């Protein structure tokens, strides 16, 4: 999906206003999305799926992709999960590229709290 910088900016502003805790690009929906605190049960299911893929050697997280980003004065904490299947490397996140100026292969997630990002990295790296 193609996204302009203006579209990404508008969507990120909306997520901030709605008190999002995690911002990401949803490939199945073809748009940026976010989760709020009350979505934690859904997020835990996704984390378990990611962890299983990491343990099977099909996905990885690398510390060099953990970056601190700022959007209009608000701090976000990036983590990227990358598939290791040469036929399906995931994609490039339009939110990462157009919203945060970050070109990465894989799925980028932006947390409103650094501790949450770091906990995800630790959980997936076990």
PDB file of N, CA and C in Angstrom:
ATOM      1  N   UNK A   1       0.831  -1.176   0.000  1.00  0.00           N
ATOM      2  CA  UNK A   1       0.000   0.000   0.000  1.00  0.00           C
ATOM      3  C   UNK A   1       0.880   1.246   0.000  1.00  0.00           C
ATOM      4  N   UNK A   2       0.506   2.196  -0.778  1.00  0.00           N
ATOM      5  CA  UNK A   2       1.216   3.464  -0.794  1.00  0.00           C
ATOM      6  C   UNK A   2       0.554   4.409   0.202  1.00  0.00           C
ATOM      7  N   UNK A   3       1.361   5.151   0.912  1.00  0.00           N
ATOM      8  CA  UNK A   3       0.845   6.097   1.884  1.00  0.00           C
ATOM      9  C   UNK A   3       1.667   7.367   1.796  1.00  0.00           C
ATOM     10  N   UNK A   4       0.995   8.488   1.825  1.00  0.00           N
ATOM     11  CA  UNK A   4       1.727   9.750   1.825  1.00  0.00           C
ATOM     12  C   UNK A   4       2.143  10.109   3.246  1.00  0.00           C
ATOM     13  N   UNK A   5       3.099  11.010   3.337  1.00  0.00           N
ATOM     14  CA  UNK A   5       3.541  11.495   4.652  1.00  0.00           C
ATOM     15  C   UNK A   5       2.377  12.162   5.383  1.00  0.00           C
ATOM     16  N   UNK A   6       1.542  12.905   4.661  1.00  0.00           N
ATOM     17  CA  UNK A   6       0.379  13.553   5.281  1.00  0.00           C
ATOM     18  C   UNK A   6      -0.595  12.537   5.865  1.00  0.00           C
ATOM     19  N   UNK A   7      -0.831  11.437   5.143  1.00  0.00           N
ATOM     20  CA  UNK A   7      -1.721  10.395   5.656  1.00  0.00           C
ATOM     21  C   UNK A   7      -1.151   9.771   6.920  1.00  0.00           C
ATOM     22  N   UNK A   8       0.124   9.435   6.872  1.00  0.00           N
ATOM     23  CA  UNK A   8       0.760   8.826   8.039  1.00  0.00           C
ATOM     24  C   UNK A   8       0.716   9.773   9.229  1.00  0.00           C
ATOM     25  N   UNK A   9       1.011  11.043   9.000  1.00  0.00           N
ATOM     26  CA  UNK A   9       0.997  12.044  10.069  1.00  0.00           C
ATOM     27  C   UNK A   9      -0.386  12.156  10.689  1.00  0.00           C
ATOM     28  N   UNK A  10      -1.399  12.221   9.866  1.00  0.00           N
ATOM     29  CA  UNK A  10      -2.778  12.314  10.363  1.00  0.00           C
ATOM     30  C   UNK A  10      -3.143  11.104  11.205  1.00  0.00           C
ATOM     31  N   UNK A  11      -2.782   9.927  10.732  1.00  0.00           N
ATOM     32  CA  UNK A  11      -3.125   8.701  11.461  1.00  0.00           C
ATOM     33  C   UNK A  11      -2.365   8.594  12.782  1.00  0.00           C
ATOM     34  N   UNK A  12      -1.116   8.993  12.796  1.00  0.00           N
ATOM     35  CA  UNK A  12      -0.347   8.954  14.040  1.00  0.00           C
ATOM     36  C   UNK A  12      -0.915   9.962  15.032  1.00  0.00           C
ATOM     37  N   UNK A  13      -1.255  11.144  14.567  1.00  0.00           N
ATOM     38  CA  UNK A  13      -1.881  12.137  15.457  1.00  0.00           C
ATOM     39  C   UNK A  13      -3.172  11.602  16.062  1.00  0.00           C
ATOM     40  N   UNK A  14      -3.971  10.936  15.252  1.00  0.00           N
ATOM     41  CA  UNK A  14      -5.232  10.358  15.746  1.00  0.00           C
ATOM     42  C   UNK A  14      -4.950   9.300  16.819  1.00  0.00           C
ATOM     43  N   UNK A  15      -3.959   8.452  16.568  1.00  0.00           N
ATOM     44  CA  UNK A  15      -3.615   7.406  17.537  1.00  0.00           C
ATOM     45  C   UNK A  15      -3.157   8.014  18.863  1.00  0.00           C
ATOM     46  N   UNK A  16      -2.360   9.074  18.787  1.00  0.00           N
ATOM     47  CA  UNK A  16      -1.897   9.747  20.010  1.00  0.00           C
ATOM     48  C   UNK A  16      -3.080  10.323  20.770  1.00  0.00           C
ATOM     49  N   UNK A  17      -3.970  10.986  20.047  1.00  0.00           N
ATOM     50  CA  UNK A  17      -5.153  11.587  20.678  1.00  0.00           C
ATOM     51  C   UNK A  17      -6.032  10.522  21.347  1.00  0.00           C
ATOM     52  N   UNK A  18      -6.060   9.325  20.751  1.00  0.00           N
ATOM     53  CA  UNK A  18      -6.881   8.234  21.274  1.00  0.00           C
ATOM     54  C   UNK A  18      -6.150   7.412  22.343  1.00  0.00           C
ATOM     55  N   UNK A  19      -4.982   7.892  22.766  1.00  0.00           N
ATOM     56  CA  UNK A  19      -4.188   7.255  23.825  1.00  0.00           C
ATOM     57  C   UNK A  19      -3.713   5.849  23.461  1.00  0.00           C
ATOM     58  N   UNK A  20      -3.225   5.706  22.237  1.00  0.00           N
ATOM     59  CA  UNK A  20      -2.682   4.425  21.780  1.00  0.00           C
ATOM     60  C   UNK A  20      -1.421   4.075  22.563  1.00  0.00           C
ATOM     61  N   UNK A  21      -1.228   2.780  22.807  1.00  0.00           N
ATOM     62  CA  UNK A  21      -0.017   2.317  23.478  1.00  0.00           C
ATOM     63  C   UNK A  21       0.963   1.677  22.488  1.00  0.00           C
ATOM     64  N   UNK A  22       0.440   1.154  21.354  1.00  0.00           N
ATOM     65  CA  UNK A  22       1.275   0.546  20.321  1.00  0.00           C
ATOM     66  C   UNK A  22       0.734   0.974  18.961  1.00  0.00           C
ATOM     67  N   UNK A  23       1.607   1.491  18.110  1.00  0.00           N
ATOM     68  CA  UNK A  23       1.239   1.850  16.740  1.00  0.00           C
ATOM     69  C   UNK A  23       1.945   0.893  15.784  1.00  0.00           C
ATOM     70  N   UNK A  24       1.271   0.524  14.696  1.00  0.00           N
ATOM     71  CA  UNK A  24       1.854  -0.396  13.730  1.00  0.00           C
ATOM     72  C   UNK A  24       1.069  -0.347  12.428  1.00  0.00           C
ATOM     73  N   UNK A  25       1.629  -0.934  11.390  1.00  0.00           N
ATOM     74  CA  UNK A  25       0.934  -1.060  10.118  1.00  0.00           C
ATOM     75  C   UNK A  25       0.319  -2.444  10.060  1.00  0.00           C
ATOM     76  N   UNK A  26      -0.972  -2.517   9.810  1.00  0.00           N
ATOM     77  CA  UNK A  26      -1.682  -3.791   9.734  1.00  0.00           C
ATOM     78  C   UNK A  26      -1.773  -4.207   8.271  1.00  0.00           C
ATOM     79  N   UNK A  27      -0.970  -5.191   7.896  1.00  0.00           N
ATOM     80  CA  UNK A  27      -0.932  -5.630   6.494  1.00  0.00           C
ATOM     81  C   UNK A  27      -2.267  -6.175   6.020  1.00  0.00           C
ATOM     82  N   UNK A  28      -2.946  -6.959   6.861  1.00  0.00           N
ATOM     83  CA  UNK A  28      -4.221  -7.553   6.442  1.00  0.00           C
ATOM     84  C   UNK A  28      -5.277  -6.484   6.178  1.00  0.00           C
ATOM     85  N   UNK A  29      -5.250  -5.414   6.963  1.00  0.00           N
ATOM     86  CA  UNK A  29      -6.224  -4.339   6.779  1.00  0.00           C
ATOM     87  C   UNK A  29      -5.732  -3.296   5.773  1.00  0.00           C
ATOM     88  N   UNK A  30      -4.433  -3.314   5.473  1.00  0.00           N
ATOM     89  CA  UNK A  30      -3.871  -2.369   4.524  1.00  0.00           C
ATOM     90  C   UNK A  30      -3.853  -0.934   5.024  1.00  0.00           C
ATOM     91  N   UNK A  31      -3.669  -0.766   6.345  1.00  0.00           N
ATOM     92  CA  UNK A  31      -3.632   0.588   6.900  1.00  0.00           C
ATOM     93  C   UNK A  31      -2.905   0.585   8.239  1.00  0.00           C
ATOM     94  N   UNK A  32      -2.568   1.774   8.687  1.00  0.00           N
ATOM     95  CA  UNK A  32      -1.979   1.918  10.020  1.00  0.00           C
ATOM     96  C   UNK A  32      -3.034   1.563  11.045  1.00  0.00           C
ATOM     97  N   UNK A  33      -2.562   1.077  12.170  1.00  0.00           N
ATOM     98  CA  UNK A  33      -3.484   0.712  13.232  1.00  0.00           C
ATOM     99  C   UNK A  33      -2.794   0.960  14.567  1.00  0.00           C
ATOM    100  N   UNK A  34      -3.523   0.740  15.623  1.00  0.00           N
ATOM    101  CA  UNK A  34      -2.947   0.895  16.949  1.00  0.00           C
ATOM    102  C   UNK A  34      -3.750   0.103  17.963  1.00  0.00           C
ATOM    103  N   UNK A  35      -3.119  -0.128  19.094  1.00  0.00           N
ATOM    104  CA  UNK A  35      -3.771  -0.788  20.218  1.00  0.00           C
ATOM    105  C   UNK A  35      -3.757   0.150  21.406  1.00  0.00           C
ATOM    106  N   UNK A  36      -4.768  -0.021  22.241  1.00  0.00           N
ATOM    107  CA  UNK A  36      -4.844   0.743  23.485  1.00  0.00           C
ATOM    108  C   UNK A  36      -4.679  -0.230  24.645  1.00  0.00           C
ATOM    109  N   UNK A  37      -4.570   0.303  25.825  1.00  0.00           N
ATOM    110  CA  UNK A  37      -4.328  -0.532  27.013  1.00  0.00           C
ATOM    111  C   UNK A  37      -5.333  -1.682  27.122  1.00  0.00           C
ATOM    112  N   UNK A  38      -6.583  -1.414  26.812  1.00  0.00           N
ATOM    113  CA  UNK A  38      -7.603  -2.460  26.935  1.00  0.00           C
ATOM    114  C   UNK A  38      -7.456  -3.573  25.895  1.00  0.00           C
ATOM    115  N   UNK A  39      -6.580  -3.388  24.922  1.00  0.00           N
ATOM    116  CA  UNK A  39      -6.338  -4.412  23.907  1.00  0.00           C
ATOM    117  C   UNK A  39      -5.233  -5.390  24.310  1.00  0.00           C
ATOM    118  N   UNK A  40      -4.726  -5.295  25.527  1.00  0.00           N
ATOM    119  CA  UNK A  40      -3.619  -6.145  25.969  1.00  0.00           C
ATOM    120  C   UNK A  40      -3.863  -7.638  25.767  1.00  0.00           C
ATOM    121  N   UNK A  41      -5.080  -8.179  26.021  1.00  0.00           N
ATOM    122  CA  UNK A  41      -5.283  -9.616  25.781  1.00  0.00           C
ATOM    123  C   UNK A  41      -5.038 -10.013  24.315  1.00  0.00           C
ATOM    124  N   UNK A  42      -5.441  -9.176  23.398  1.00  0.00           N
ATOM    125  CA  UNK A  42      -5.207  -9.445  21.974  1.00  0.00           C
ATOM    126  C   UNK A  42      -3.709  -9.415  21.682  1.00  0.00           C
ATOM    127  N   UNK A  43      -3.022  -8.439  22.240  1.00  0.00           N
ATOM    128  CA  UNK A  43      -1.588  -8.291  22.019  1.00  0.00           C
ATOM    129  C   UNK A  43      -0.823  -9.485  22.585  1.00  0.00           C
ATOM    130  N   UNK A  44      -1.239 -10.011  23.727  1.00  0.00           N
ATOM    131  CA  UNK A  44      -0.552 -11.158  24.327  1.00  0.00           C
ATOM    132  C   UNK A  44      -0.617 -12.382  23.414  1.00  0.00           C
ATOM    133  N   UNK A  45      -1.733 -12.572  22.746  1.00  0.00           N
ATOM    134  CA  UNK A  45      -1.864 -13.683  21.793  1.00  0.00           C
ATOM    135  C   UNK A  45      -0.867 -13.507  20.647  1.00  0.00           C
ATOM    136  N   UNK A  46      -0.758 -12.291  20.145  1.00  0.00           N
ATOM    137  CA  UNK A  46       0.185 -12.009  19.055  1.00  0.00           C
ATOM    138  C   UNK A  46       1.628 -12.222  19.508  1.00  0.00           C
ATOM    139  N   UNK A  47       1.956 -11.803  20.712  1.00  0.00           N
ATOM    140  CA  UNK A  47       3.310 -12.004  21.231  1.00  0.00           C
ATOM    141  C   UNK A  47       3.653 -13.490  21.340  1.00  0.00           C
ATOM    142  N   UNK A  48       2.708 -14.296  21.780  1.00  0.00           N
ATOM    143  CA  UNK A  48       2.946 -15.744  21.874  1.00  0.00           C
ATOM    144  C   UNK A  48       3.211 -16.333  20.490  1.00  0.00           C
ATOM    145  N   UNK A  49       2.466 -15.863  19.495  1.00  0.00           N
ATOM    146  CA  UNK A  49       2.675 -16.331  18.127  1.00  0.00           C
ATOM    147  C   UNK A  49       4.071 -15.929  17.653  1.00  0.00           C
ATOM    148  N   UNK A  50       4.462 -14.690  17.907  1.00  0.00           N
ATOM    149  CA  UNK A  50       5.800 -14.229  17.521  1.00  0.00           C
ATOM    150  C   UNK A  50       6.878 -15.065  18.216  1.00  0.00           C
ATOM    151  N   UNK A  51       6.696 -15.301  19.501  1.00  0.00           N
ATOM    152  CA  UNK A  51       7.717 -16.049  20.254  1.00  0.00           C
ATOM    153  C   UNK A  51       7.889 -17.455  19.689  1.00  0.00           C
ATOM    154  N   UNK A  52       6.780 -18.084  19.331  1.00  0.00           N
ATOM    155  CA  UNK A  52       6.836 -19.423  18.730  1.00  0.00           C
ATOM    156  C   UNK A  52       7.629 -19.375  17.419  1.00  0.00           C
ATOM    157  N   UNK A  53       7.377 -18.359  16.595  1.00  0.00           N
ATOM    158  CA  UNK A  53       8.100 -18.225  15.331  1.00  0.00           C
ATOM    159  C   UNK A  53       9.597 -17.977  15.560  1.00  0.00           C
ATOM    160  N   UNK A  54       9.935 -17.204  16.590  1.00  0.00           N
ATOM    161  CA  UNK A  54      11.344 -16.966  16.922  1.00  0.00           C
ATOM    162  C   UNK A  54      11.999 -18.281  17.330  1.00  0.00           C
ATOM    163  N   UNK A  55      11.340 -19.036  18.200  1.00  0.00           N
ATOM    164  CA  UNK A  55      11.901 -20.309  18.673  1.00  0.00           C
ATOM    165  C   UNK A  55      12.073 -21.313  17.538  1.00  0.00           C
ATOM    166  N   UNK A  56      11.186 -21.241  16.539  1.00  0.00           N
ATOM    167  CA  UNK A  56      11.271 -22.137  15.384  1.00  0.00           C
ATOM    168  C   UNK A  56      12.292 -21.654  14.355  1.00  0.00           C
ATOM    169  N   UNK A  57      12.922 -20.500  14.604  1.00  0.00           N
ATOM    170  CA  UNK A  57      13.908 -19.963  13.689  1.00  0.00           C
ATOM    171  C   UNK A  57      13.308 -19.325  12.446  1.00  0.00           C
ATOM    172  N   UNK A  58      12.039 -18.945  12.528  1.00  0.00           N
ATOM    173  CA  UNK A  58      11.344 -18.352  11.381  1.00  0.00           C
ATOM    174  C   UNK A  58      11.224 -16.833  11.480  1.00  0.00           C
ATOM    175  N   UNK A  59      11.579 -16.286  12.633  1.00  0.00           N
ATOM    176  CA  UNK A  59      11.453 -14.849  12.872  1.00  0.00           C
ATOM    177  C   UNK A  59      12.571 -14.433  13.816  1.00  0.00           C
ATOM    178  N   UNK A  60      12.940 -13.152  13.734  1.00  0.00           N
ATOM    179  CA  UNK A  60      13.949 -12.653  14.669  1.00  0.00           C
ATOM    180  C   UNK A  60      13.669 -11.197  15.026  1.00  0.00           C
ATOM    181  N   UNK A  61      14.240 -10.811  16.149  1.00  0.00           N
ATOM    182  CA  UNK A  61      14.276  -9.404  16.550  1.00  0.00           C
ATOM    183  C   UNK A  61      15.746  -9.087  16.805  1.00  0.00           C
ATOM    184  N   UNK A  62      16.174  -7.937  16.354  1.00  0.00           N
ATOM    185  CA  UNK A  62      17.568  -7.528  16.529  1.00  0.00           C
ATOM    186  C   UNK A  62      17.623  -6.234  17.323  1.00  0.00           C
ATOM    187  N   UNK A  63      18.514  -6.195  18.289  1.00  0.00           N
ATOM    188  CA  UNK A  63      18.613  -5.032  19.163  1.00  0.00           C
ATOM    189  C   UNK A  63      18.926  -3.754  18.376  1.00  0.00           C
ATOM    190  N   UNK A  64      19.636  -3.874  17.255  1.00  0.00           N
ATOM    191  CA  UNK A  64      19.974  -2.664  16.498  1.00  0.00           C
ATOM    192  C   UNK A  64      18.736  -2.003  15.878  1.00  0.00           C
ATOM    193  N   UNK A  65      17.616  -2.712  15.832  1.00  0.00           N
ATOM    194  CA  UNK A  65      16.373  -2.111  15.340  1.00  0.00           C
ATOM    195  C   UNK A  65      15.544  -1.460  16.448  1.00  0.00           C
ATOM    196  N   UNK A  66      15.976  -1.609  17.683  1.00  0.00           N
ATOM    197  CA  UNK A  66      15.291  -0.944  18.797  1.00  0.00           C
ATOM    198  C   UNK A  66      15.780   0.503  18.822  1.00  0.00           C
ATOM    199  N   UNK A  67      14.911   1.395  18.416  1.00  0.00           N
ATOM    200  CA  UNK A  67      15.306   2.804  18.327  1.00  0.00           C
ATOM    201  C   UNK A  67      14.287   3.683  19.032  1.00  0.00           C
ATOM    202  N   UNK A  68      14.771   4.790  19.522  1.00  0.00           N
ATOM    203  CA  UNK A  68      13.895   5.800  20.112  1.00  0.00           C
ATOM    204  C   UNK A  68      13.573   6.813  19.025  1.00  0.00           C
ATOM    205  N   UNK A  69      12.313   7.085  18.834  1.00  0.00           N
ATOM    206  CA  UNK A  69      11.858   8.021  17.805  1.00  0.00           C
ATOM    207  C   UNK A  69      11.022   9.112  18.448  1.00  0.00           C
ATOM    208  N   UNK A  70      10.945  10.234  17.783  1.00  0.00           N
ATOM    209  CA  UNK A  70      10.113  11.336  18.260  1.00  0.00           C
ATOM    210  C   UNK A  70       9.186  11.760  17.137  1.00  0.00           C
ATOM    211  N   UNK A  71       7.932  11.942  17.475  1.00  0.00           N
ATOM    212  CA  UNK A  71       6.937  12.428  16.521  1.00  0.00           C
ATOM    213  C   UNK A  71       6.252  13.629  17.154  1.00  0.00           C
ATOM    214  N   UNK A  72       6.498  14.788  16.575  1.00  0.00           N
ATOM    215  CA  UNK A  72       5.904  16.036  17.064  1.00  0.00           C
ATOM    216  C   UNK A  72       6.025  16.184  18.589  1.00  0.00           C
ATOM    217  N   UNK A  73       7.219  15.911  19.088  1.00  0.00           N
ATOM    218  CA  UNK A  73       7.513  16.076  20.503  1.00  0.00           C
ATOM    219  C   UNK A  73       7.151  14.892  21.387  1.00  0.00           C
ATOM    220  N   UNK A  74       6.505  13.876  20.840  1.00  0.00           N
ATOM    221  CA  UNK A  74       6.120  12.689  21.623  1.00  0.00           C
ATOM    222  C   UNK A  74       7.108  11.572  21.325  1.00  0.00           C
ATOM    223  N   UNK A  75       7.610  10.930  22.373  1.00  0.00           N
ATOM    224  CA  UNK A  75       8.563   9.833  22.223  1.00  0.00           C
ATOM    225  C   UNK A  75       7.856   8.522  21.930  1.00  0.00           C
ATOM    226  N   UNK A  76       8.450   7.768  21.016  1.00  0.00           N
ATOM    227  CA  UNK A  76       8.002   6.410  20.710  1.00  0.00           C
ATOM    228  C   UNK A  76       9.225   5.514  20.690  1.00  0.00           C
ATOM    229  N   UNK A  77       8.987   4.223  20.925  1.00  0.00           N
ATOM    230  CA  UNK A  77      10.078   3.271  21.051  1.00  0.00           C
ATOM    231  C   UNK A  77       9.841   2.122  20.072  1.00  0.00           C
ATOM    232  N   UNK A  78      10.703   2.053  19.071  1.00  0.00           N
ATOM    233  CA  UNK A  78      10.542   1.138  17.946  1.00  0.00           C
ATOM    234  C   UNK A  78      11.157  -0.223  18.221  1.00  0.00           C
ATOM    235  N   UNK A  79      10.457  -1.253  17.778  1.00  0.00           N
ATOM    236  CA  UNK A  79      10.994  -2.605  17.683  1.00  0.00           C
ATOM    237  C   UNK A  79      10.549  -3.144  16.329  1.00  0.00           C
ATOM    238  N   UNK A  80      11.376  -3.974  15.731  1.00  0.00           N
ATOM    239  CA  UNK A  80      11.053  -4.549  14.426  1.00  0.00           C
ATOM    240  C   UNK A  80      11.157  -6.064  14.519  1.00  0.00           C
ATOM    241  N   UNK A  81      10.125  -6.765  14.074  1.00  0.00           N
ATOM    242  CA  UNK A  81      10.179  -8.225  13.965  1.00  0.00           C
ATOM    243  C   UNK A  81      10.327  -8.559  12.486  1.00  0.00           C
ATOM    244  N   UNK A  82      11.238  -9.487  12.213  1.00  0.00           N
ATOM    245  CA  UNK A  82      11.555  -9.819  10.834  1.00  0.00           C
ATOM    246  C   UNK A  82      11.420 -11.315  10.596  1.00  0.00           C
ATOM    247  N   UNK A  83      10.658 -11.664   9.562  1.00  0.00           N
ATOM    248  CA  UNK A  83      10.560 -13.062   9.153  1.00  0.00           C
ATOM    249  C   UNK A  83      11.860 -13.465   8.475  1.00  0.00           C
ATOM    250  N   UNK A  84      12.231 -14.730   8.634  1.00  0.00           N
ATOM    251  CA  UNK A  84      13.467 -15.223   8.040  1.00  0.00           C
ATOM    252  C   UNK A  84      13.217 -16.090   6.812  1.00  0.00           C
ATOM    253  N   UNK A  85      11.986 -16.190   6.378  1.00  0.00           N
ATOM    254  CA  UNK A  85      11.625 -16.948   5.182  1.00  0.00           C
ATOM    255  C   UNK A  85      11.974 -16.111   3.958  1.00  0.00           C
ATOM    256  N   UNK A  86      12.931 -16.578   3.168  1.00  0.00           N
ATOM    257  CA  UNK A  86      13.383 -15.790   2.016  1.00  0.00           C
ATOM    258  C   UNK A  86      12.258 -15.532   1.012  1.00  0.00           C
ATOM    259  N   UNK A  87      11.209 -16.353   1.055  1.00  0.00           N
ATOM    260  CA  UNK A  87      10.086 -16.144   0.144  1.00  0.00           C
ATOM    261  C   UNK A  87       9.027 -15.209   0.718  1.00  0.00           C
ATOM    262  N   UNK A  88       9.106 -14.937   2.004  1.00  0.00           N
ATOM    263  CA  UNK A  88       8.141 -14.036   2.641  1.00  0.00           C
ATOM    264  C   UNK A  88       8.842 -13.279   3.756  1.00  0.00           C
ATOM    265  N   UNK A  89       9.478 -12.191   3.421  1.00  0.00           N
ATOM    266  CA  UNK A  89      10.240 -11.417   4.400  1.00  0.00           C
ATOM    267  C   UNK A  89       9.379 -10.420   5.155  1.00  0.00           C
ATOM    268  N   UNK A  90       8.076 -10.546   5.025  1.00  0.00           N
ATOM    269  CA  UNK A  90       7.216  -9.522   5.594  1.00  0.00           C
ATOM    270  C   UNK A  90       7.201  -8.379   4.607  1.00  0.00           C
ATOM    271  N   UNK A  91       7.026  -7.218   5.049  1.00  0.00           N
ATOM    272  CA  UNK A  91       7.009  -6.091   4.138  1.00  0.00           C
ATOM    273  C   UNK A  91       7.791  -4.947   4.715  1.00  0.00           C
ATOM    274  N   UNK A  92       7.566  -3.814   4.154  1.00  0.00           N
ATOM    275  CA  UNK A  92       8.123  -2.616   4.739  1.00  0.00           C
ATOM    276  C   UNK A  92       6.947  -1.818   5.270  1.00  0.00           C
ATOM    277  N   UNK A  93       7.037  -1.385   6.465  1.00  0.00           N
ATOM    278  CA  UNK A  93       5.948  -0.673   7.113  1.00  0.00           C
ATOM    279  C   UNK A  93       5.815   0.743   6.569  1.00  0.00           C
ATOM    280  N   UNK A  94       4.676   1.060   5.935  1.00  0.00           N
ATOM    281  CA  UNK A  94       4.460   2.439   5.500  1.00  0.00           C
ATOM    282  C   UNK A  94       4.472   3.422   6.673  1.00  0.00           C
ATOM    283  N   UNK A  95       4.002   2.988   7.838  1.00  0.00           N
ATOM    284  CA  UNK A  95       4.029   3.874   8.999  1.00  0.00           C
ATOM    285  C   UNK A  95       5.474   4.185   9.384  1.00  0.00           C
ATOM    286  N   UNK A  96       6.326   3.169   9.351  1.00  0.00           N
ATOM    287  CA  UNK A  96       7.735   3.387   9.690  1.00  0.00           C
ATOM    288  C   UNK A  96       8.373   4.355   8.703  1.00  0.00           C
ATOM    289  N   UNK A  97       8.120   4.118   7.429  1.00  0.00           N
ATOM    290  CA  UNK A  97       8.754   4.929   6.396  1.00  0.00           C
ATOM    291  C   UNK A  97       8.214   6.357   6.361  1.00  0.00           C
ATOM    292  N   UNK A  98       6.911   6.496   6.289  1.00  0.00           N
ATOM    293  CA  UNK A  98       6.318   7.819   6.096  1.00  0.00           C
ATOM    294  C   UNK A  98       6.071   8.567   7.400  1.00  0.00           C
ATOM    295  N   UNK A  99       5.838   7.843   8.486  1.00  0.00           N
ATOM    296  CA  UNK A  99       5.552   8.494   9.758  1.00  0.00           C
ATOM    297  C   UNK A  99       6.780   8.768  10.608  1.00  0.00           C
ATOM    298  N   UNK A 100       7.767   7.836  10.523  1.00  0.00           N
ATOM    299  CA  UNK A 100       8.937   7.948  11.384  1.00  0.00           C
ATOM    300  C   UNK A 100      10.254   8.015  10.616  1.00  0.00           C
ATOM    301  N   UNK A 101      10.191   7.987   9.282  1.00  0.00           N
ATOM    302  CA  UNK A 101      11.399   8.106   8.466  1.00  0.00           C
ATOM    303  C   UNK A 101      12.353   6.941   8.600  1.00  0.00           C
ATOM    304  N   UNK A 102      11.829   5.750   8.824  1.00  0.00           N
ATOM    305  CA  UNK A 102      12.652   4.567   9.076  1.00  0.00           C
ATOM    306  C   UNK A 102      12.341   3.498   8.022  1.00  0.00           C
ATOM    307  N   UNK A 103      13.327   3.128   7.226  1.00  0.00           N
ATOM    308  CA  UNK A 103      13.163   2.065   6.238  1.00  0.00           C
ATOM    309  C   UNK A 103      13.697   0.764   6.820  1.00  0.00           C
ATOM    310  N   UNK A 104      12.796  -0.165   7.083  1.00  0.00           N
ATOM    311  CA  UNK A 104      13.178  -1.457   7.642  1.00  0.00           C
ATOM    312  C   UNK A 104      12.391  -2.552   6.934  1.00  0.00           C
ATOM    313  N   UNK A 105      13.013  -3.712   6.790  1.00  0.00           N
ATOM    314  CA  UNK A 105      12.254  -4.856   6.293  1.00  0.00           C
ATOM    315  C   UNK A 105      11.688  -5.561   7.519  1.00  0.00           C
ATOM    316  N   UNK A 106      10.428  -5.854   7.473  1.00  0.00           N
ATOM    317  CA  UNK A 106       9.762  -6.476   8.608  1.00  0.00           C
ATOM    318  C   UNK A 106       8.651  -5.591   9.119  1.00  0.00           C
ATOM    319  N   UNK A 107       8.184  -5.913  10.295  1.00  0.00           N
ATOM    320  CA  UNK A 107       7.062  -5.196  10.892  1.00  0.00           C
ATOM    321  C   UNK A 107       7.565  -4.325  12.027  1.00  0.00           C
ATOM    322  N   UNK A 108       7.354  -3.046  11.920  1.00  0.00           N
ATOM    323  CA  UNK A 108       7.784  -2.103  12.948  1.00  0.00           C
ATOM    324  C   UNK A 108       6.615  -1.808  13.885  1.00  0.00           C
ATOM    325  N   UNK A 109       6.918  -1.786  15.154  1.00  0.00           N
ATOM    326  CA  UNK A 109       5.936  -1.438  16.188  1.00  0.00           C
ATOM    327  C   UNK A 109       6.496  -0.264  16.974  1.00  0.00           C
ATOM    328  N   UNK A 110       5.638   0.669  17.325  1.00  0.00           N
ATOM    329  CA  UNK A 110       6.040   1.864  18.062  1.00  0.00           C
ATOM    330  C   UNK A 110       5.257   1.915  19.368  1.00  0.00           C
ATOM    331  N   UNK A 111       5.993   1.813  20.459  1.00  0.00           N
ATOM    332  CA  UNK A 111       5.394   1.806  21.792  1.00  0.00           C
ATOM    333  C   UNK A 111       5.443   3.201  22.403  1.00  0.00           C
ATOM    334  N   UNK A 112       4.430   3.518  23.174  1.00  0.00           N
ATOM    335  CA  UNK A 112       4.420   4.802  23.868  1.00  0.00           C
ATOM    336  C   UNK A 112       5.292   4.751  25.124  1.00  0.00           C
ATOM    337  N   UNK A 113       5.616   3.536  25.586  1.00  0.00           N
ATOM    338  CA  UNK A 113       6.468   3.379  26.766  1.00  0.00           C
ATOM    339  C   UNK A 113       7.682   2.512  26.430  1.00  0.00           C
ATOM    340  N   UNK A 114       8.841   3.006  26.766  1.00  0.00           N
ATOM    341  CA  UNK A 114      10.082   2.273  26.482  1.00  0.00           C
ATOM    342  C   UNK A 114      10.103   0.920  27.193  1.00  0.00           C
ATOM    343  N   UNK A 115       9.628   0.885  28.419  1.00  0.00           N
ATOM    344  CA  UNK A 115       9.612  -0.364  29.172  1.00  0.00           C
ATOM    345  C   UNK A 115       8.807  -1.455  28.494  1.00  0.00           C
ATOM    346  N   UNK A 116       7.719  -1.080  27.827  1.00  0.00           N
ATOM    347  CA  UNK A 116       6.900  -2.070  27.109  1.00  0.00           C
ATOM    348  C   UNK A 116       7.651  -2.624  25.905  1.00  0.00           C
ATOM    349  N   UNK A 117       8.339  -1.735  25.170  1.00  0.00           N
ATOM    350  CA  UNK A 117       9.148  -2.191  24.033  1.00  0.00           C
ATOM    351  C   UNK A 117      10.259  -3.124  24.505  1.00  0.00           C
ATOM    352  N   UNK A 118      10.940  -2.720  25.570  1.00  0.00           N
ATOM    353  CA  UNK A 118      12.048  -3.514  26.080  1.00  0.00           C
ATOM    354  C   UNK A 118      11.566  -4.869  26.604  1.00  0.00           C
ATOM    355  N   UNK A 119      10.379  -4.897  27.209  1.00  0.00           N
ATOM    356  CA  UNK A 119       9.810  -6.159  27.698  1.00  0.00           C
ATOM    357  C   UNK A 119       9.498  -7.095  26.524  1.00  0.00           C
ATOM    358  N   UNK A 120       8.985  -6.531  25.433  1.00  0.00           N
ATOM    359  CA  UNK A 120       8.706  -7.349  24.250  1.00  0.00           C
ATOM    360  C   UNK A 120      10.003  -7.933  23.706  1.00  0.00           C
ATOM    361  N   UNK A 121      11.044  -7.118  23.609  1.00  0.00           N
ATOM    362  CA  UNK A 121      12.322  -7.599  23.106  1.00  0.00           C
ATOM    363  C   UNK A 121      12.855  -8.727  23.993  1.00  0.00           C
ATOM    364  N   UNK A 122      12.807  -8.525  25.276  1.00  0.00           N
ATOM    365  CA  UNK A 122      13.305  -9.537  26.222  1.00  0.00           C
ATOM    366  C   UNK A 122      12.497 -10.829  26.090  1.00  0.00           C
ATOM    367  N   UNK A 123      11.170 -10.713  25.999  1.00  0.00           N
ATOM    368  CA  UNK A 123      10.300 -11.881  25.886  1.00  0.00           C
ATOM    369  C   UNK A 123      10.603 -12.664  24.596  1.00  0.00           C
ATOM    370  N   UNK A 124      10.797 -11.953  23.497  1.00  0.00           N
ATOM    371  CA  UNK A 124      11.058 -12.631  22.233  1.00  0.00           C
ATOM    372  C   UNK A 124      12.495 -13.155  22.127  1.00  0.00           C
ATOM    373  N   UNK A 125      13.392 -12.617  22.917  1.00  0.00           N
ATOM    374  CA  UNK A 125      14.797 -12.997  22.840  1.00  0.00           C
ATOM    375  C   UNK A 125      15.154 -14.147  23.774  1.00  0.00           C
ATOM    376  N   UNK A 126      14.223 -14.588  24.608  1.00  0.00           N
ATOM    377  CA  UNK A 126      14.518 -15.676  25.574  1.00  0.00           C
ATOM    378  C   UNK A 126      14.871 -16.964  24.862  1.00  0.00           C
TER     379      UNK A 126
END
